N, C-alpha and C. Protein backbone atom coordinates (compact mmCIF):
# COMPACT_ATOMS: atom_id res chain seq x y z
N MET A 1 42.73 35.39 62.33
CA MET A 1 43.03 36.05 63.59
C MET A 1 41.74 36.52 64.28
N LEU A 2 40.77 36.97 63.51
CA LEU A 2 39.52 37.42 64.14
C LEU A 2 38.76 36.25 64.75
N PHE A 3 38.79 35.10 64.11
CA PHE A 3 38.14 33.91 64.68
C PHE A 3 38.76 33.58 66.02
N ASP A 4 40.08 33.74 66.11
CA ASP A 4 40.79 33.46 67.36
C ASP A 4 40.64 34.58 68.38
N THR A 5 39.89 35.61 68.04
CA THR A 5 39.60 36.70 68.97
C THR A 5 38.18 36.60 69.51
N VAL A 6 37.21 36.31 68.65
CA VAL A 6 35.83 36.19 69.13
C VAL A 6 35.62 34.93 69.96
N GLY A 7 36.24 33.83 69.56
CA GLY A 7 36.06 32.56 70.27
C GLY A 7 36.45 32.61 71.73
N PRO A 8 37.66 33.04 72.06
CA PRO A 8 38.06 33.09 73.47
C PRO A 8 37.23 34.06 74.31
N ALA A 9 36.66 35.09 73.69
CA ALA A 9 35.80 36.01 74.45
C ALA A 9 34.62 35.24 75.05
N LEU A 10 34.05 34.33 74.28
CA LEU A 10 32.95 33.52 74.78
C LEU A 10 33.46 32.36 75.65
N LEU A 11 34.50 31.69 75.21
CA LEU A 11 35.01 30.54 75.96
C LEU A 11 35.37 30.90 77.41
N ALA A 12 35.85 32.11 77.62
CA ALA A 12 36.25 32.54 78.96
C ALA A 12 35.08 32.59 79.93
N THR A 13 33.85 32.61 79.41
CA THR A 13 32.67 32.71 80.26
C THR A 13 31.97 31.37 80.49
N LEU A 14 32.42 30.32 79.81
CA LEU A 14 31.71 29.04 79.85
C LEU A 14 32.15 28.16 81.01
N ALA A 15 31.26 27.27 81.41
CA ALA A 15 31.57 26.28 82.43
C ALA A 15 32.53 25.24 81.84
N PRO A 16 33.23 24.48 82.69
CA PRO A 16 34.19 23.48 82.18
C PRO A 16 33.56 22.42 81.26
N ASP A 17 32.26 22.15 81.41
CA ASP A 17 31.63 21.13 80.56
C ASP A 17 30.94 21.72 79.34
N GLN A 18 31.26 23.00 79.02
CA GLN A 18 30.66 23.66 77.86
C GLN A 18 31.71 24.01 76.82
N PHE A 19 31.26 24.11 75.58
CA PHE A 19 32.09 24.52 74.46
C PHE A 19 31.24 25.39 73.55
N GLN A 20 31.80 25.88 72.49
CA GLN A 20 31.03 26.70 71.56
C GLN A 20 31.13 26.16 70.15
N SER A 21 30.08 26.38 69.42
CA SER A 21 30.04 26.04 68.00
C SER A 21 29.72 27.31 67.23
N THR A 22 30.64 27.74 66.37
CA THR A 22 30.44 28.96 65.60
C THR A 22 29.45 28.69 64.48
N MET A 23 28.38 29.48 64.45
CA MET A 23 27.34 29.31 63.44
C MET A 23 27.57 30.23 62.24
N SER A 24 28.10 31.42 62.48
CA SER A 24 28.41 32.34 61.39
C SER A 24 29.53 33.27 61.81
N LEU A 25 30.29 33.72 60.81
CA LEU A 25 31.38 34.67 61.02
C LEU A 25 31.43 35.57 59.81
N SER A 26 31.34 36.87 60.03
CA SER A 26 31.40 37.84 58.94
C SER A 26 32.56 38.79 59.20
N VAL A 27 33.43 38.97 58.21
CA VAL A 27 34.64 39.77 58.37
C VAL A 27 34.63 40.93 57.39
N SER A 28 35.05 42.09 57.86
CA SER A 28 35.24 43.27 57.00
C SER A 28 36.69 43.69 57.10
N PHE A 29 37.37 43.73 55.96
CA PHE A 29 38.76 44.17 55.90
C PHE A 29 38.74 45.66 55.55
N LEU A 30 39.29 46.50 56.43
CA LEU A 30 39.17 47.94 56.29
C LEU A 30 40.38 48.61 55.66
N ARG A 31 41.55 48.09 55.94
CA ARG A 31 42.78 48.67 55.38
C ARG A 31 43.89 47.62 55.41
N PRO A 32 44.92 47.81 54.60
CA PRO A 32 46.01 46.83 54.61
C PRO A 32 46.77 46.88 55.93
N VAL A 33 47.28 45.73 56.31
CA VAL A 33 48.08 45.65 57.53
C VAL A 33 49.56 45.74 57.15
N ARG A 34 50.29 46.42 57.97
CA ARG A 34 51.74 46.56 57.77
C ARG A 34 52.46 45.62 58.74
N PRO A 35 53.70 45.26 58.46
CA PRO A 35 54.44 44.44 59.41
C PRO A 35 54.50 45.11 60.78
N GLY A 36 54.35 44.32 61.80
CA GLY A 36 54.40 44.85 63.17
C GLY A 36 53.32 44.22 64.03
N ARG A 37 53.12 44.77 65.19
CA ARG A 37 52.17 44.25 66.16
C ARG A 37 50.73 44.49 65.70
N VAL A 38 49.92 43.45 65.85
CA VAL A 38 48.48 43.53 65.59
C VAL A 38 47.78 43.14 66.89
N ILE A 39 46.86 43.99 67.33
CA ILE A 39 46.17 43.79 68.60
C ILE A 39 44.72 43.41 68.31
N GLY A 40 44.27 42.32 68.92
CA GLY A 40 42.89 41.87 68.74
C GLY A 40 42.09 42.04 70.02
N LYS A 41 40.85 42.52 69.87
CA LYS A 41 39.94 42.66 71.01
C LYS A 41 38.60 42.06 70.63
N GLY A 42 38.10 41.17 71.46
CA GLY A 42 36.81 40.54 71.23
C GLY A 42 35.89 40.74 72.41
N ARG A 43 34.59 40.72 72.13
CA ARG A 43 33.64 40.87 73.23
C ARG A 43 32.32 40.19 72.89
N ILE A 44 31.59 39.89 73.94
CA ILE A 44 30.24 39.35 73.80
C ILE A 44 29.29 40.54 73.74
N VAL A 45 28.57 40.66 72.65
CA VAL A 45 27.61 41.75 72.49
C VAL A 45 26.33 41.42 73.24
N HIS A 46 25.88 40.18 73.09
CA HIS A 46 24.63 39.75 73.73
C HIS A 46 24.63 38.23 73.82
N ARG A 47 24.10 37.74 74.92
CA ARG A 47 23.93 36.29 75.06
C ARG A 47 22.55 36.02 75.62
N ASP A 48 21.83 35.12 74.96
CA ASP A 48 20.49 34.73 75.39
C ASP A 48 20.41 33.22 75.34
N GLY A 49 20.44 32.58 76.50
CA GLY A 49 20.42 31.12 76.55
C GLY A 49 21.67 30.54 75.93
N ASP A 50 21.49 29.67 74.93
CA ASP A 50 22.65 29.04 74.31
C ASP A 50 23.17 29.78 73.07
N LEU A 51 22.59 30.94 72.73
CA LEU A 51 23.07 31.74 71.60
C LEU A 51 23.86 32.94 72.08
N ALA A 52 24.97 33.22 71.40
CA ALA A 52 25.81 34.36 71.74
C ALA A 52 26.15 35.14 70.48
N PHE A 53 26.10 36.45 70.59
CA PHE A 53 26.44 37.34 69.49
C PHE A 53 27.74 38.04 69.88
N LEU A 54 28.73 37.94 69.02
CA LEU A 54 30.09 38.37 69.35
C LEU A 54 30.60 39.37 68.33
N GLU A 55 31.58 40.17 68.72
CA GLU A 55 32.26 41.04 67.77
C GLU A 55 33.73 41.17 68.16
N ALA A 56 34.53 41.51 67.16
CA ALA A 56 35.97 41.65 67.39
C ALA A 56 36.53 42.68 66.42
N ALA A 57 37.70 43.18 66.77
CA ALA A 57 38.42 44.11 65.90
C ALA A 57 39.91 43.84 66.02
N LEU A 58 40.60 44.06 64.92
CA LEU A 58 42.07 44.01 64.90
C LEU A 58 42.56 45.42 64.62
N ALA A 59 43.57 45.84 65.37
CA ALA A 59 44.14 47.18 65.18
C ALA A 59 45.65 47.07 65.07
N ASP A 60 46.23 48.02 64.35
CA ASP A 60 47.69 48.05 64.26
C ASP A 60 48.26 48.72 65.51
N SER A 61 49.58 48.81 65.59
CA SER A 61 50.22 49.35 66.80
C SER A 61 49.88 50.82 67.03
N GLY A 62 49.43 51.52 65.99
CA GLY A 62 49.02 52.91 66.14
C GLY A 62 47.56 53.07 66.55
N GLY A 63 46.84 51.95 66.65
CA GLY A 63 45.45 51.99 67.05
C GLY A 63 44.46 52.05 65.91
N ALA A 64 44.93 52.08 64.67
CA ALA A 64 44.03 52.11 63.52
C ALA A 64 43.40 50.73 63.33
N VAL A 65 42.08 50.69 63.23
CA VAL A 65 41.37 49.42 63.05
C VAL A 65 41.60 48.94 61.61
N ILE A 66 42.05 47.69 61.49
CA ILE A 66 42.36 47.14 60.17
C ILE A 66 41.33 46.12 59.70
N ALA A 67 40.58 45.53 60.65
CA ALA A 67 39.54 44.56 60.30
C ALA A 67 38.59 44.40 61.47
N THR A 68 37.33 44.08 61.15
CA THR A 68 36.33 43.82 62.17
C THR A 68 35.59 42.53 61.82
N ALA A 69 34.94 41.96 62.82
CA ALA A 69 34.16 40.74 62.59
C ALA A 69 32.96 40.71 63.54
N THR A 70 31.91 40.07 63.07
CA THR A 70 30.79 39.72 63.93
C THR A 70 30.59 38.22 63.80
N ALA A 71 30.11 37.61 64.87
CA ALA A 71 29.91 36.16 64.86
C ALA A 71 28.70 35.80 65.70
N THR A 72 28.11 34.67 65.35
CA THR A 72 27.05 34.07 66.15
C THR A 72 27.53 32.69 66.53
N ALA A 73 27.40 32.36 67.81
CA ALA A 73 27.85 31.06 68.30
C ALA A 73 26.78 30.44 69.17
N ARG A 74 26.80 29.13 69.23
CA ARG A 74 25.88 28.37 70.09
C ARG A 74 26.71 27.67 71.15
N VAL A 75 26.27 27.78 72.38
CA VAL A 75 26.94 27.09 73.48
C VAL A 75 26.43 25.65 73.50
N ILE A 76 27.38 24.71 73.49
CA ILE A 76 27.03 23.28 73.48
C ILE A 76 27.83 22.58 74.58
N SER A 77 27.44 21.35 74.87
CA SER A 77 28.20 20.57 75.86
C SER A 77 29.48 20.04 75.21
N VAL A 78 30.47 19.77 76.03
CA VAL A 78 31.71 19.20 75.52
C VAL A 78 31.43 17.85 74.83
N ASP A 79 30.50 17.08 75.37
CA ASP A 79 30.14 15.79 74.75
C ASP A 79 29.61 15.98 73.34
N GLN A 80 28.78 17.01 73.12
CA GLN A 80 28.27 17.31 71.78
C GLN A 80 29.42 17.69 70.85
N ALA A 81 30.38 18.45 71.36
CA ALA A 81 31.52 18.86 70.54
C ALA A 81 32.36 17.65 70.14
N ARG A 82 32.55 16.73 71.06
CA ARG A 82 33.35 15.53 70.76
C ARG A 82 32.66 14.65 69.73
N SER A 83 31.33 14.51 69.85
CA SER A 83 30.62 13.64 68.91
C SER A 83 30.49 14.25 67.53
N ALA A 84 30.65 15.57 67.41
CA ALA A 84 30.57 16.23 66.11
C ALA A 84 31.87 16.12 65.34
N ALA A 85 32.97 15.82 66.02
CA ALA A 85 34.29 15.77 65.37
C ALA A 85 34.48 14.53 64.55
C-alpha cells in the first residue's frame, strides 16, 4: 500500500512522456492495523533533476499512523520504461 502511495505522488507531476523507476523503498511498521479504513498520504520531499525523494504514511480511521515509508525514484522516459520490461 505504501508503494502505491509514494508512486502516484511523483507520477502526478510528470509529463506524459515520463515515468518513474523506484530505486529504493524503506518501510517502517509502527503498529498493527485493525479492520477498517486505511488512509494513505504521499508527498515529494525533494526533487533535483531526474532524482526524487518521496515519503508516505498510512493511518487508520482514527488518524493513528500505522506505517511510514521513504523512497528514492528516478524519472525516466516512457520509452526507457518500455524497454526495461
